[in-house]
Amino acid sequence: MESLQRIDLHETSKAVAGSYANVPLNLVNDHIIRISIMTEPFYWHYHPNSDESFLCLEGVLVIDLEGESIELHPGQLFTIPRNVLHKTSPKGGRSVNLTFELEGMETVRNVL
């Protein structure tokens, strides 16, 4: 990741093949920005040392929490505080979103 570079989100998301990709794009201070392309659900998990923000770019991103589900549409942002159990999945065939999180974020897998 180089600084002072233009990143084309549409080109990056088109170039990704497979059912899931989480590609680092850039560092901002001690946080990392990633683009996530999903065609299948990600497992239940939480992050003990970082909040995680999602910005939906394409499709619909479903964020399941223990008591509710949130649907993010393009242009919508949602932040999950640290230690909150969640699972993400695309609604329909594919979703593309940006995530903003601490660079050294830990992910703890959990089974409900």
PDB file of N, CA and C in Angstrom:
ATOM      1  N   MET A   1       0.838  -1.175   0.000  1.00  0.00           N
ATOM      2  CA  MET A   1       0.000   0.000   0.000  1.00  0.00           C
ATOM      3  C   MET A   1       0.885   1.241   0.000  1.00  0.00           C
ATOM      4  N   GLU A   2       0.765   1.999  -1.027  1.00  0.00           N
ATOM      5  CA  GLU A   2       1.530   3.240  -1.147  1.00  0.00           C
ATOM      6  C   GLU A   2       0.633   4.419  -0.797  1.00  0.00           C
ATOM      7  N   SER A   3       1.251   5.445  -0.260  1.00  0.00           N
ATOM      8  CA  SER A   3       0.476   6.663  -0.040  1.00  0.00           C
ATOM      9  C   SER A   3       0.469   7.471  -1.335  1.00  0.00           C
ATOM     10  N   LEU A   4      -0.358   8.469  -1.412  1.00  0.00           N
ATOM     11  CA  LEU A   4      -0.490   9.333  -2.581  1.00  0.00           C
ATOM     12  C   LEU A   4      -0.803   8.548  -3.852  1.00  0.00           C
ATOM     13  N   GLN A   5      -1.739   7.646  -3.742  1.00  0.00           N
ATOM     14  CA  GLN A   5      -2.166   6.913  -4.925  1.00  0.00           C
ATOM     15  C   GLN A   5      -3.688   6.973  -5.041  1.00  0.00           C
ATOM     16  N   ARG A   6      -4.154   6.941  -6.267  1.00  0.00           N
ATOM     17  CA  ARG A   6      -5.591   6.907  -6.528  1.00  0.00           C
ATOM     18  C   ARG A   6      -6.023   5.445  -6.525  1.00  0.00           C
ATOM     19  N   ILE A   7      -7.108   5.160  -5.823  1.00  0.00           N
ATOM     20  CA  ILE A   7      -7.634   3.802  -5.748  1.00  0.00           C
ATOM     21  C   ILE A   7      -9.018   3.807  -6.379  1.00  0.00           C
ATOM     22  N   ASP A   8      -9.198   3.008  -7.403  1.00  0.00           N
ATOM     23  CA  ASP A   8     -10.485   2.904  -8.080  1.00  0.00           C
ATOM     24  C   ASP A   8     -11.254   1.720  -7.487  1.00  0.00           C
ATOM     25  N   LEU A   9     -12.262   2.021  -6.669  1.00  0.00           N
ATOM     26  CA  LEU A   9     -13.017   0.978  -5.979  1.00  0.00           C
ATOM     27  C   LEU A   9     -13.765   0.068  -6.941  1.00  0.00           C
ATOM     28  N   HIS A  10     -14.307   0.637  -8.013  1.00  0.00           N
ATOM     29  CA  HIS A  10     -15.050  -0.178  -8.986  1.00  0.00           C
ATOM     30  C   HIS A  10     -14.119  -1.155  -9.685  1.00  0.00           C
ATOM     31  N   GLU A  11     -12.955  -0.694 -10.100  1.00  0.00           N
ATOM     32  CA  GLU A  11     -11.987  -1.582 -10.764  1.00  0.00           C
ATOM     33  C   GLU A  11     -11.490  -2.660  -9.802  1.00  0.00           C
ATOM     34  N   THR A  12     -11.245  -2.279  -8.563  1.00  0.00           N
ATOM     35  CA  THR A  12     -10.780  -3.249  -7.568  1.00  0.00           C
ATOM     36  C   THR A  12     -11.825  -4.328  -7.338  1.00  0.00           C
ATOM     37  N   SER A  13     -13.087  -3.936  -7.193  1.00  0.00           N
ATOM     38  CA  SER A  13     -14.129  -4.935  -6.934  1.00  0.00           C
ATOM     39  C   SER A  13     -14.372  -5.824  -8.148  1.00  0.00           C
ATOM     40  N   LYS A  14     -14.238  -5.292  -9.358  1.00  0.00           N
ATOM     41  CA  LYS A  14     -14.413  -6.110 -10.573  1.00  0.00           C
ATOM     42  C   LYS A  14     -13.310  -7.150 -10.721  1.00  0.00           C
ATOM     43  N   ALA A  15     -12.117  -6.836 -10.236  1.00  0.00           N
ATOM     44  CA  ALA A  15     -10.961  -7.721 -10.413  1.00  0.00           C
ATOM     45  C   ALA A  15     -10.960  -8.906  -9.446  1.00  0.00           C
ATOM     46  N   VAL A  16     -11.829  -8.887  -8.453  1.00  0.00           N
ATOM     47  CA  VAL A  16     -11.834  -9.947  -7.444  1.00  0.00           C
ATOM     48  C   VAL A  16     -12.699 -11.108  -7.903  1.00  0.00           C
ATOM     49  N   ALA A  17     -12.116 -12.296  -7.843  1.00  0.00           N
ATOM     50  CA  ALA A  17     -12.860 -13.520  -8.162  1.00  0.00           C
ATOM     51  C   ALA A  17     -13.018 -14.327  -6.878  1.00  0.00           C
ATOM     52  N   GLY A  18     -13.962 -15.216  -6.858  1.00  0.00           N
ATOM     53  CA  GLY A  18     -14.170 -16.049  -5.682  1.00  0.00           C
ATOM     54  C   GLY A  18     -15.364 -15.588  -4.875  1.00  0.00           C
ATOM     55  N   SER A  19     -15.658 -16.336  -3.815  1.00  0.00           N
ATOM     56  CA  SER A  19     -16.862 -16.079  -3.029  1.00  0.00           C
ATOM     57  C   SER A  19     -16.676 -15.018  -1.943  1.00  0.00           C
ATOM     58  N   TYR A  20     -15.414 -14.752  -1.572  1.00  0.00           N
ATOM     59  CA  TYR A  20     -15.167 -13.758  -0.533  1.00  0.00           C
ATOM     60  C   TYR A  20     -13.761 -13.198  -0.700  1.00  0.00           C
ATOM     61  N   ALA A  21     -13.644 -11.899  -0.589  1.00  0.00           N
ATOM     62  CA  ALA A  21     -12.330 -11.254  -0.594  1.00  0.00           C
ATOM     63  C   ALA A  21     -12.384 -10.052   0.335  1.00  0.00           C
ATOM     64  N   ASN A  22     -11.305  -9.836   1.065  1.00  0.00           N
ATOM     65  CA  ASN A  22     -11.189  -8.705   1.967  1.00  0.00           C
ATOM     66  C   ASN A  22      -9.819  -8.083   1.683  1.00  0.00           C
ATOM     67  N   VAL A  23      -9.789  -7.086   0.813  1.00  0.00           N
ATOM     68  CA  VAL A  23      -8.548  -6.555   0.252  1.00  0.00           C
ATOM     69  C   VAL A  23      -8.159  -5.250   0.947  1.00  0.00           C
ATOM     70  N   PRO A  24      -6.959  -5.200   1.566  1.00  0.00           N
ATOM     71  CA  PRO A  24      -6.499  -3.943   2.158  1.00  0.00           C
ATOM     72  C   PRO A  24      -6.270  -2.891   1.069  1.00  0.00           C
ATOM     73  N   LEU A  25      -6.761  -1.670   1.304  1.00  0.00           N
ATOM     74  CA  LEU A  25      -6.616  -0.594   0.332  1.00  0.00           C
ATOM     75  C   LEU A  25      -5.628   0.465   0.770  1.00  0.00           C
ATOM     76  N   ASN A  26      -5.738   0.896   2.040  1.00  0.00           N
ATOM     77  CA  ASN A  26      -4.918   2.018   2.480  1.00  0.00           C
ATOM     78  C   ASN A  26      -4.895   2.084   4.004  1.00  0.00           C
ATOM     79  N   LEU A  27      -3.839   2.687   4.533  1.00  0.00           N
ATOM     80  CA  LEU A  27      -3.722   2.957   5.965  1.00  0.00           C
ATOM     81  C   LEU A  27      -4.010   4.425   6.219  1.00  0.00           C
ATOM     82  N   VAL A  28      -4.756   4.702   7.283  1.00  0.00           N
ATOM     83  CA  VAL A  28      -5.005   6.072   7.725  1.00  0.00           C
ATOM     84  C   VAL A  28      -4.692   6.087   9.215  1.00  0.00           C
ATOM     85  N   ASN A  29      -3.573   6.720   9.550  1.00  0.00           N
ATOM     86  CA  ASN A  29      -3.062   6.711  10.923  1.00  0.00           C
ATOM     87  C   ASN A  29      -2.899   5.256  11.372  1.00  0.00           C
ATOM     88  N   ASP A  30      -3.593   4.815  12.402  1.00  0.00           N
ATOM     89  CA  ASP A  30      -3.456   3.433  12.860  1.00  0.00           C
ATOM     90  C   ASP A  30      -4.640   2.557  12.432  1.00  0.00           C
ATOM     91  N   HIS A  31      -5.378   3.010  11.413  1.00  0.00           N
ATOM     92  CA  HIS A  31      -6.526   2.256  10.910  1.00  0.00           C
ATOM     93  C   HIS A  31      -6.308   1.829   9.455  1.00  0.00           C
ATOM     94  N   ILE A  32      -6.983   0.759   9.098  1.00  0.00           N
ATOM     95  CA  ILE A  32      -6.884   0.241   7.740  1.00  0.00           C
ATOM     96  C   ILE A  32      -8.258   0.317   7.079  1.00  0.00           C
ATOM     97  N   ILE A  33      -8.254   0.597   5.794  1.00  0.00           N
ATOM     98  CA  ILE A  33      -9.474   0.591   4.985  1.00  0.00           C
ATOM     99  C   ILE A  33      -9.371  -0.612   4.068  1.00  0.00           C
ATOM    100  N   ARG A  34     -10.409  -1.435   4.071  1.00  0.00           N
ATOM    101  CA  ARG A  34     -10.453  -2.629   3.222  1.00  0.00           C
ATOM    102  C   ARG A  34     -11.706  -2.591   2.365  1.00  0.00           C
ATOM    103  N   ILE A  35     -11.632  -3.242   1.202  1.00  0.00           N
ATOM    104  CA  ILE A  35     -12.826  -3.467   0.396  1.00  0.00           C
ATOM    105  C   ILE A  35     -13.172  -4.945   0.528  1.00  0.00           C
ATOM    106  N   SER A  36     -14.415  -5.216   0.806  1.00  0.00           N
ATOM    107  CA  SER A  36     -14.888  -6.582   0.995  1.00  0.00           C
ATOM    108  C   SER A  36     -15.917  -6.908  -0.076  1.00  0.00           C
ATOM    109  N   ILE A  37     -15.664  -7.993  -0.794  1.00  0.00           N
ATOM    110  CA  ILE A  37     -16.582  -8.478  -1.823  1.00  0.00           C
ATOM    111  C   ILE A  37     -17.102  -9.820  -1.339  1.00  0.00           C
ATOM    112  N   MET A  38     -18.423  -9.935  -1.211  1.00  0.00           N
ATOM    113  CA  MET A  38     -19.010 -11.148  -0.640  1.00  0.00           C
ATOM    114  C   MET A  38     -20.078 -11.730  -1.553  1.00  0.00           C
ATOM    115  N   THR A  39     -20.054 -13.056  -1.697  1.00  0.00           N
ATOM    116  CA  THR A  39     -21.154 -13.769  -2.343  1.00  0.00           C
ATOM    117  C   THR A  39     -21.694 -14.859  -1.426  1.00  0.00           C
ATOM    118  N   GLU A  40     -21.118 -14.955  -0.233  1.00  0.00           N
ATOM    119  CA  GLU A  40     -21.599 -15.904   0.775  1.00  0.00           C
ATOM    120  C   GLU A  40     -21.355 -15.317   2.159  1.00  0.00           C
ATOM    121  N   PRO A  41     -22.035 -15.832   3.182  1.00  0.00           N
ATOM    122  CA  PRO A  41     -21.905 -15.270   4.526  1.00  0.00           C
ATOM    123  C   PRO A  41     -20.519 -15.470   5.126  1.00  0.00           C
ATOM    124  N   PHE A  42     -20.156 -14.556   6.024  1.00  0.00           N
ATOM    125  CA  PHE A  42     -18.960 -14.672   6.850  1.00  0.00           C
ATOM    126  C   PHE A  42     -19.416 -15.174   8.218  1.00  0.00           C
ATOM    127  N   TYR A  43     -18.574 -15.869   8.937  1.00  0.00           N
ATOM    128  CA  TYR A  43     -18.968 -16.510  10.199  1.00  0.00           C
ATOM    129  C   TYR A  43     -19.203 -15.506  11.340  1.00  0.00           C
ATOM    130  N   TRP A  44     -19.893 -15.972  12.387  1.00  0.00           N
ATOM    131  CA  TRP A  44     -20.110 -15.169  13.593  1.00  0.00           C
ATOM    132  C   TRP A  44     -18.759 -14.886  14.252  1.00  0.00           C
ATOM    133  N   HIS A  45     -18.565 -13.633  14.666  1.00  0.00           N
ATOM    134  CA  HIS A  45     -17.290 -13.246  15.269  1.00  0.00           C
ATOM    135  C   HIS A  45     -17.442 -11.917  16.001  1.00  0.00           C
ATOM    136  N   TYR A  46     -16.381 -11.541  16.709  1.00  0.00           N
ATOM    137  CA  TYR A  46     -16.322 -10.220  17.330  1.00  0.00           C
ATOM    138  C   TYR A  46     -14.863  -9.760  17.336  1.00  0.00           C
ATOM    139  N   HIS A  47     -14.669  -8.484  17.630  1.00  0.00           N
ATOM    140  CA  HIS A  47     -13.341  -7.885  17.649  1.00  0.00           C
ATOM    141  C   HIS A  47     -13.120  -7.263  19.030  1.00  0.00           C
ATOM    142  N   PRO A  48     -12.234  -7.857  19.854  1.00  0.00           N
ATOM    143  CA  PRO A  48     -12.061  -7.348  21.216  1.00  0.00           C
ATOM    144  C   PRO A  48     -11.299  -6.029  21.313  1.00  0.00           C
ATOM    145  N   ASN A  49     -10.602  -5.630  20.241  1.00  0.00           N
ATOM    146  CA  ASN A  49      -9.759  -4.443  20.352  1.00  0.00           C
ATOM    147  C   ASN A  49     -10.062  -3.349  19.322  1.00  0.00           C
ATOM    148  N   SER A  50     -11.199  -3.449  18.625  1.00  0.00           N
ATOM    149  CA  SER A  50     -11.493  -2.413  17.635  1.00  0.00           C
ATOM    150  C   SER A  50     -12.976  -2.368  17.295  1.00  0.00           C
ATOM    151  N   ASP A  51     -13.466  -1.158  17.100  1.00  0.00           N
ATOM    152  CA  ASP A  51     -14.766  -0.988  16.454  1.00  0.00           C
ATOM    153  C   ASP A  51     -14.566  -1.320  14.979  1.00  0.00           C
ATOM    154  N   GLU A  52     -15.670  -1.558  14.265  1.00  0.00           N
ATOM    155  CA  GLU A  52     -15.597  -1.842  12.832  1.00  0.00           C
ATOM    156  C   GLU A  52     -16.740  -1.108  12.140  1.00  0.00           C
ATOM    157  N   SER A  53     -16.395  -0.287  11.160  1.00  0.00           N
ATOM    158  CA  SER A  53     -17.405   0.457  10.409  1.00  0.00           C
ATOM    159  C   SER A  53     -17.538  -0.127   9.011  1.00  0.00           C
ATOM    160  N   PHE A  54     -18.764  -0.228   8.534  1.00  0.00           N
ATOM    161  CA  PHE A  54     -19.076  -0.741   7.207  1.00  0.00           C
ATOM    162  C   PHE A  54     -19.740   0.353   6.387  1.00  0.00           C
ATOM    163  N   LEU A  55     -19.265   0.576   5.177  1.00  0.00           N
ATOM    164  CA  LEU A  55     -19.872   1.490   4.223  1.00  0.00           C
ATOM    165  C   LEU A  55     -20.237   0.668   2.994  1.00  0.00           C
ATOM    166  N   CYS A  56     -21.523   0.502   2.741  1.00  0.00           N
ATOM    167  CA  CYS A  56     -21.989  -0.303   1.617  1.00  0.00           C
ATOM    168  C   CYS A  56     -21.805   0.471   0.312  1.00  0.00           C
ATOM    169  N   LEU A  57     -21.232  -0.206  -0.686  1.00  0.00           N
ATOM    170  CA  LEU A  57     -21.012   0.396  -1.999  1.00  0.00           C
ATOM    171  C   LEU A  57     -21.911  -0.191  -3.074  1.00  0.00           C
ATOM    172  N   GLU A  58     -22.177  -1.495  -2.979  1.00  0.00           N
ATOM    173  CA  GLU A  58     -22.919  -2.205  -4.028  1.00  0.00           C
ATOM    174  C   GLU A  58     -23.724  -3.332  -3.393  1.00  0.00           C
ATOM    175  N   GLY A  59     -24.917  -3.574  -3.901  1.00  0.00           N
ATOM    176  CA  GLY A  59     -25.758  -4.637  -3.357  1.00  0.00           C
ATOM    177  C   GLY A  59     -26.303  -4.248  -1.995  1.00  0.00           C
ATOM    178  N   VAL A  60     -26.662  -5.256  -1.216  1.00  0.00           N
ATOM    179  CA  VAL A  60     -27.157  -5.043   0.146  1.00  0.00           C
ATOM    180  C   VAL A  60     -26.322  -5.912   1.078  1.00  0.00           C
ATOM    181  N   LEU A  61     -25.756  -5.298   2.105  1.00  0.00           N
ATOM    182  CA  LEU A  61     -24.986  -6.008   3.119  1.00  0.00           C
ATOM    183  C   LEU A  61     -25.871  -6.205   4.335  1.00  0.00           C
ATOM    184  N   VAL A  62     -26.022  -7.445   4.764  1.00  0.00           N
ATOM    185  CA  VAL A  62     -26.796  -7.751   5.964  1.00  0.00           C
ATOM    186  C   VAL A  62     -25.818  -7.968   7.109  1.00  0.00           C
ATOM    187  N   ILE A  63     -26.040  -7.249   8.210  1.00  0.00           N
ATOM    188  CA  ILE A  63     -25.238  -7.409   9.415  1.00  0.00           C
ATOM    189  C   ILE A  63     -26.154  -7.993  10.474  1.00  0.00           C
ATOM    190  N   ASP A  64     -25.903  -9.249  10.822  1.00  0.00           N
ATOM    191  CA  ASP A  64     -26.679  -9.917  11.862  1.00  0.00           C
ATOM    192  C   ASP A  64     -26.022  -9.678  13.208  1.00  0.00           C
ATOM    193  N   LEU A  65     -26.833  -9.244  14.165  1.00  0.00           N
ATOM    194  CA  LEU A  65     -26.410  -9.077  15.550  1.00  0.00           C
ATOM    195  C   LEU A  65     -27.184 -10.104  16.367  1.00  0.00           C
ATOM    196  N   GLU A  66     -26.927 -10.214  17.633  1.00  0.00           N
ATOM    197  CA  GLU A  66     -27.608 -11.243  18.428  1.00  0.00           C
ATOM    198  C   GLU A  66     -29.118 -11.047  18.523  1.00  0.00           C
ATOM    199  N   GLY A  67     -29.621  -9.834  18.396  1.00  0.00           N
ATOM    200  CA  GLY A  67     -31.051  -9.636  18.532  1.00  0.00           C
ATOM    201  C   GLY A  67     -31.724  -9.004  17.337  1.00  0.00           C
ATOM    202  N   GLU A  68     -30.972  -8.681  16.294  1.00  0.00           N
ATOM    203  CA  GLU A  68     -31.549  -8.008  15.139  1.00  0.00           C
ATOM    204  C   GLU A  68     -30.642  -8.127  13.920  1.00  0.00           C
ATOM    205  N   SER A  69     -31.200  -7.776  12.780  1.00  0.00           N
ATOM    206  CA  SER A  69     -30.439  -7.724  11.534  1.00  0.00           C
ATOM    207  C   SER A  69     -30.553  -6.323  10.955  1.00  0.00           C
ATOM    208  N   ILE A  70     -29.439  -5.818  10.460  1.00  0.00           N
ATOM    209  CA  ILE A  70     -29.377  -4.501   9.843  1.00  0.00           C
ATOM    210  C   ILE A  70     -29.093  -4.708   8.361  1.00  0.00           C
ATOM    211  N   GLU A  71     -29.829  -4.041   7.492  1.00  0.00           N
ATOM    212  CA  GLU A  71     -29.548  -4.074   6.057  1.00  0.00           C
ATOM    213  C   GLU A  71     -28.946  -2.734   5.654  1.00  0.00           C
ATOM    214  N   LEU A  72     -27.760  -2.797   5.058  1.00  0.00           N
ATOM    215  CA  LEU A  72     -27.115  -1.591   4.558  1.00  0.00           C
ATOM    216  C   LEU A  72     -27.222  -1.560   3.045  1.00  0.00           C
ATOM    217  N   HIS A  73     -27.705  -0.448   2.523  1.00  0.00           N
ATOM    218  CA  HIS A  73     -27.818  -0.231   1.084  1.00  0.00           C
ATOM    219  C   HIS A  73     -26.703   0.716   0.649  1.00  0.00           C
ATOM    220  N   PRO A  74     -26.411   0.791  -0.641  1.00  0.00           N
ATOM    221  CA  PRO A  74     -25.327   1.670  -1.093  1.00  0.00           C
ATOM    222  C   PRO A  74     -25.447   3.084  -0.521  1.00  0.00           C
ATOM    223  N   GLY A  75     -24.324   3.543   0.011  1.00  0.00           N
ATOM    224  CA  GLY A  75     -24.273   4.874   0.603  1.00  0.00           C
ATOM    225  C   GLY A  75     -24.569   4.894   2.091  1.00  0.00           C
ATOM    226  N   GLN A  76     -24.902   3.745   2.691  1.00  0.00           N
ATOM    227  CA  GLN A  76     -25.207   3.709   4.121  1.00  0.00           C
ATOM    228  C   GLN A  76     -24.010   3.174   4.914  1.00  0.00           C
ATOM    229  N   LEU A  77     -23.840   3.733   6.110  1.00  0.00           N
ATOM    230  CA  LEU A  77     -22.723   3.418   6.997  1.00  0.00           C
ATOM    231  C   LEU A  77     -23.256   2.907   8.326  1.00  0.00           C
ATOM    232  N   PHE A  78     -22.582   1.897   8.893  1.00  0.00           N
ATOM    233  CA  PHE A  78     -22.975   1.351  10.192  1.00  0.00           C
ATOM    234  C   PHE A  78     -21.711   0.949  10.941  1.00  0.00           C
ATOM    235  N   THR A  79     -21.635   1.282  12.234  1.00  0.00           N
ATOM    236  CA  THR A  79     -20.475   0.933  13.046  1.00  0.00           C
ATOM    237  C   THR A  79     -20.866  -0.061  14.123  1.00  0.00           C
ATOM    238  N   ILE A  80     -20.052  -1.102  14.254  1.00  0.00           N
ATOM    239  CA  ILE A  80     -20.230  -2.107  15.289  1.00  0.00           C
ATOM    240  C   ILE A  80     -19.151  -1.865  16.356  1.00  0.00           C
ATOM    241  N   PRO A  81     -19.556  -1.620  17.588  1.00  0.00           N
ATOM    242  CA  PRO A  81     -18.566  -1.412  18.648  1.00  0.00           C
ATOM    243  C   PRO A  81     -17.768  -2.691  18.933  1.00  0.00           C
ATOM    244  N   ARG A  82     -16.567  -2.510  19.460  1.00  0.00           N
ATOM    245  CA  ARG A  82     -15.751  -3.665  19.848  1.00  0.00           C
ATOM    246  C   ARG A  82     -16.540  -4.581  20.776  1.00  0.00           C
ATOM    247  N   ASN A  83     -16.244  -5.860  20.722  1.00  0.00           N
ATOM    248  CA  ASN A  83     -16.844  -6.908  21.562  1.00  0.00           C
ATOM    249  C   ASN A  83     -18.291  -7.238  21.224  1.00  0.00           C
ATOM    250  N   VAL A  84     -18.852  -6.681  20.154  1.00  0.00           N
ATOM    251  CA  VAL A  84     -20.226  -7.009  19.770  1.00  0.00           C
ATOM    252  C   VAL A  84     -20.190  -8.131  18.731  1.00  0.00           C
ATOM    253  N   LEU A  85     -20.843  -9.233  19.057  1.00  0.00           N
ATOM    254  CA  LEU A  85     -20.899 -10.397  18.177  1.00  0.00           C
ATOM    255  C   LEU A  85     -21.720 -10.060  16.936  1.00  0.00           C
ATOM    256  N   HIS A  86     -21.202 -10.423  15.751  1.00  0.00           N
ATOM    257  CA  HIS A  86     -21.907 -10.130  14.508  1.00  0.00           C
ATOM    258  C   HIS A  86     -21.496 -11.083  13.399  1.00  0.00           C
ATOM    259  N   LYS A  87     -22.298 -11.085  12.355  1.00  0.00           N
ATOM    260  CA  LYS A  87     -22.039 -11.887  11.152  1.00  0.00           C
ATOM    261  C   LYS A  87     -22.505 -11.059   9.970  1.00  0.00           C
ATOM    262  N   THR A  88     -21.747 -11.076   8.884  1.00  0.00           N
ATOM    263  CA  THR A  88     -22.125 -10.328   7.689  1.00  0.00           C
ATOM    264  C   THR A  88     -22.412 -11.280   6.541  1.00  0.00           C
ATOM    265  N   SER A  89     -23.318 -10.852   5.667  1.00  0.00           N
ATOM    266  CA  SER A  89     -23.630 -11.650   4.482  1.00  0.00           C
ATOM    267  C   SER A  89     -24.266 -10.748   3.421  1.00  0.00           C
ATOM    268  N   PRO A  90     -24.128 -11.144   2.159  1.00  0.00           N
ATOM    269  CA  PRO A  90     -24.788 -10.376   1.105  1.00  0.00           C
ATOM    270  C   PRO A  90     -26.251 -10.779   1.013  1.00  0.00           C
ATOM    271  N   LYS A  91     -27.100  -9.833   0.688  1.00  0.00           N
ATOM    272  CA  LYS A  91     -28.496 -10.159   0.388  1.00  0.00           C
ATOM    273  C   LYS A  91     -28.590 -10.216  -1.128  1.00  0.00           C
ATOM    274  N   GLY A  92     -28.971 -11.351  -1.643  1.00  0.00           N
ATOM    275  CA  GLY A  92     -28.926 -11.528  -3.085  1.00  0.00           C
ATOM    276  C   GLY A  92     -27.587 -12.138  -3.455  1.00  0.00           C
ATOM    277  N   GLY A  93     -27.116 -11.850  -4.630  1.00  0.00           N
ATOM    278  CA  GLY A  93     -25.915 -12.510  -5.121  1.00  0.00           C
ATOM    279  C   GLY A  93     -24.588 -11.969  -4.636  1.00  0.00           C
ATOM    280  N   ARG A  94     -24.481 -10.654  -4.391  1.00  0.00           N
ATOM    281  CA  ARG A  94     -23.164 -10.082  -4.104  1.00  0.00           C
ATOM    282  C   ARG A  94     -23.314  -8.734  -3.405  1.00  0.00           C
ATOM    283  N   SER A  95     -22.394  -8.463  -2.494  1.00  0.00           N
ATOM    284  CA  SER A  95     -22.316  -7.137  -1.888  1.00  0.00           C
ATOM    285  C   SER A  95     -20.855  -6.694  -1.891  1.00  0.00           C
ATOM    286  N   VAL A  96     -20.678  -5.386  -1.951  1.00  0.00           N
ATOM    287  CA  VAL A  96     -19.344  -4.786  -1.891  1.00  0.00           C
ATOM    288  C   VAL A  96     -19.411  -3.674  -0.853  1.00  0.00           C
ATOM    289  N   ASN A  97     -18.476  -3.704   0.090  1.00  0.00           N
ATOM    290  CA  ASN A  97     -18.456  -2.663   1.108  1.00  0.00           C
ATOM    291  C   ASN A  97     -17.027  -2.322   1.498  1.00  0.00           C
ATOM    292  N   LEU A  98     -16.873  -1.145   2.081  1.00  0.00           N
ATOM    293  CA  LEU A  98     -15.612  -0.757   2.695  1.00  0.00           C
ATOM    294  C   LEU A  98     -15.725  -1.024   4.186  1.00  0.00           C
ATOM    295  N   THR A  99     -14.615  -1.458   4.800  1.00  0.00           N
ATOM    296  CA  THR A  99     -14.558  -1.557   6.252  1.00  0.00           C
ATOM    297  C   THR A  99     -13.424  -0.665   6.742  1.00  0.00           C
ATOM    298  N   PHE A 100     -13.640  -0.074   7.896  1.00  0.00           N
ATOM    299  CA  PHE A 100     -12.673   0.808   8.542  1.00  0.00           C
ATOM    300  C   PHE A 100     -12.452   0.238   9.937  1.00  0.00           C
ATOM    301  N   GLU A 101     -11.191  -0.122  10.251  1.00  0.00           N
ATOM    302  CA  GLU A 101     -10.912  -0.792  11.516  1.00  0.00           C
ATOM    303  C   GLU A 101      -9.454  -0.575  11.915  1.00  0.00           C
ATOM    304  N   LEU A 102      -9.141  -0.826  13.164  1.00  0.00           N
ATOM    305  CA  LEU A 102      -7.775  -0.746  13.657  1.00  0.00           C
ATOM    306  C   LEU A 102      -6.907  -1.712  12.858  1.00  0.00           C
ATOM    307  N   GLU A 103      -5.725  -1.260  12.451  1.00  0.00           N
ATOM    308  CA  GLU A 103      -4.861  -2.110  11.620  1.00  0.00           C
ATOM    309  C   GLU A 103      -4.563  -3.461  12.279  1.00  0.00           C
ATOM    310  N   GLY A 104      -4.313  -3.475  13.569  1.00  0.00           N
ATOM    311  CA  GLY A 104      -4.006  -4.723  14.268  1.00  0.00           C
ATOM    312  C   GLY A 104      -5.223  -5.369  14.898  1.00  0.00           C
ATOM    313  N   MET A 105      -6.394  -5.187  14.288  1.00  0.00           N
ATOM    314  CA  MET A 105      -7.630  -5.712  14.842  1.00  0.00           C
ATOM    315  C   MET A 105      -7.582  -7.235  14.971  1.00  0.00           C
ATOM    316  N   GLU A 106      -8.067  -7.720  16.100  1.00  0.00           N
ATOM    317  CA  GLU A 106      -8.187  -9.163  16.316  1.00  0.00           C
ATOM    318  C   GLU A 106      -9.605  -9.593  15.980  1.00  0.00           C
ATOM    319  N   THR A 107      -9.716 -10.780  15.371  1.00  0.00           N
ATOM    320  CA  THR A 107     -11.022 -11.366  15.070  1.00  0.00           C
ATOM    321  C   THR A 107     -11.138 -12.680  15.826  1.00  0.00           C
ATOM    322  N   VAL A 108     -12.193 -12.792  16.641  1.00  0.00           N
ATOM    323  CA  VAL A 108     -12.430 -14.003  17.423  1.00  0.00           C
ATOM    324  C   VAL A 108     -13.674 -14.677  16.866  1.00  0.00           C
ATOM    325  N   ARG A 109     -13.491 -15.901  16.363  1.00  0.00           N
ATOM    326  CA  ARG A 109     -14.613 -16.665  15.813  1.00  0.00           C
ATOM    327  C   ARG A 109     -15.479 -17.198  16.940  1.00  0.00           C
ATOM    328  N   ASN A 110     -16.790 -17.158  16.723  1.00  0.00           N
ATOM    329  CA  ASN A 110     -17.739 -17.616  17.736  1.00  0.00           C
ATOM    330  C   ASN A 110     -18.824 -18.423  17.039  1.00  0.00           C
ATOM    331  N   VAL A 111     -19.341 -19.411  17.717  1.00  0.00           N
ATOM    332  CA  VAL A 111     -20.427 -20.219  17.173  1.00  0.00           C
ATOM    333  C   VAL A 111     -21.650 -20.008  18.074  1.00  0.00           C
ATOM    334  N   LEU A 112     -22.730 -19.554  17.458  1.00  0.00           N
ATOM    335  CA  LEU A 112     -23.976 -19.362  18.237  1.00  0.00           C
ATOM    336  C   LEU A 112     -24.741 -20.651  18.302  1.00  0.00           C
TER     337      LEU A 112
END
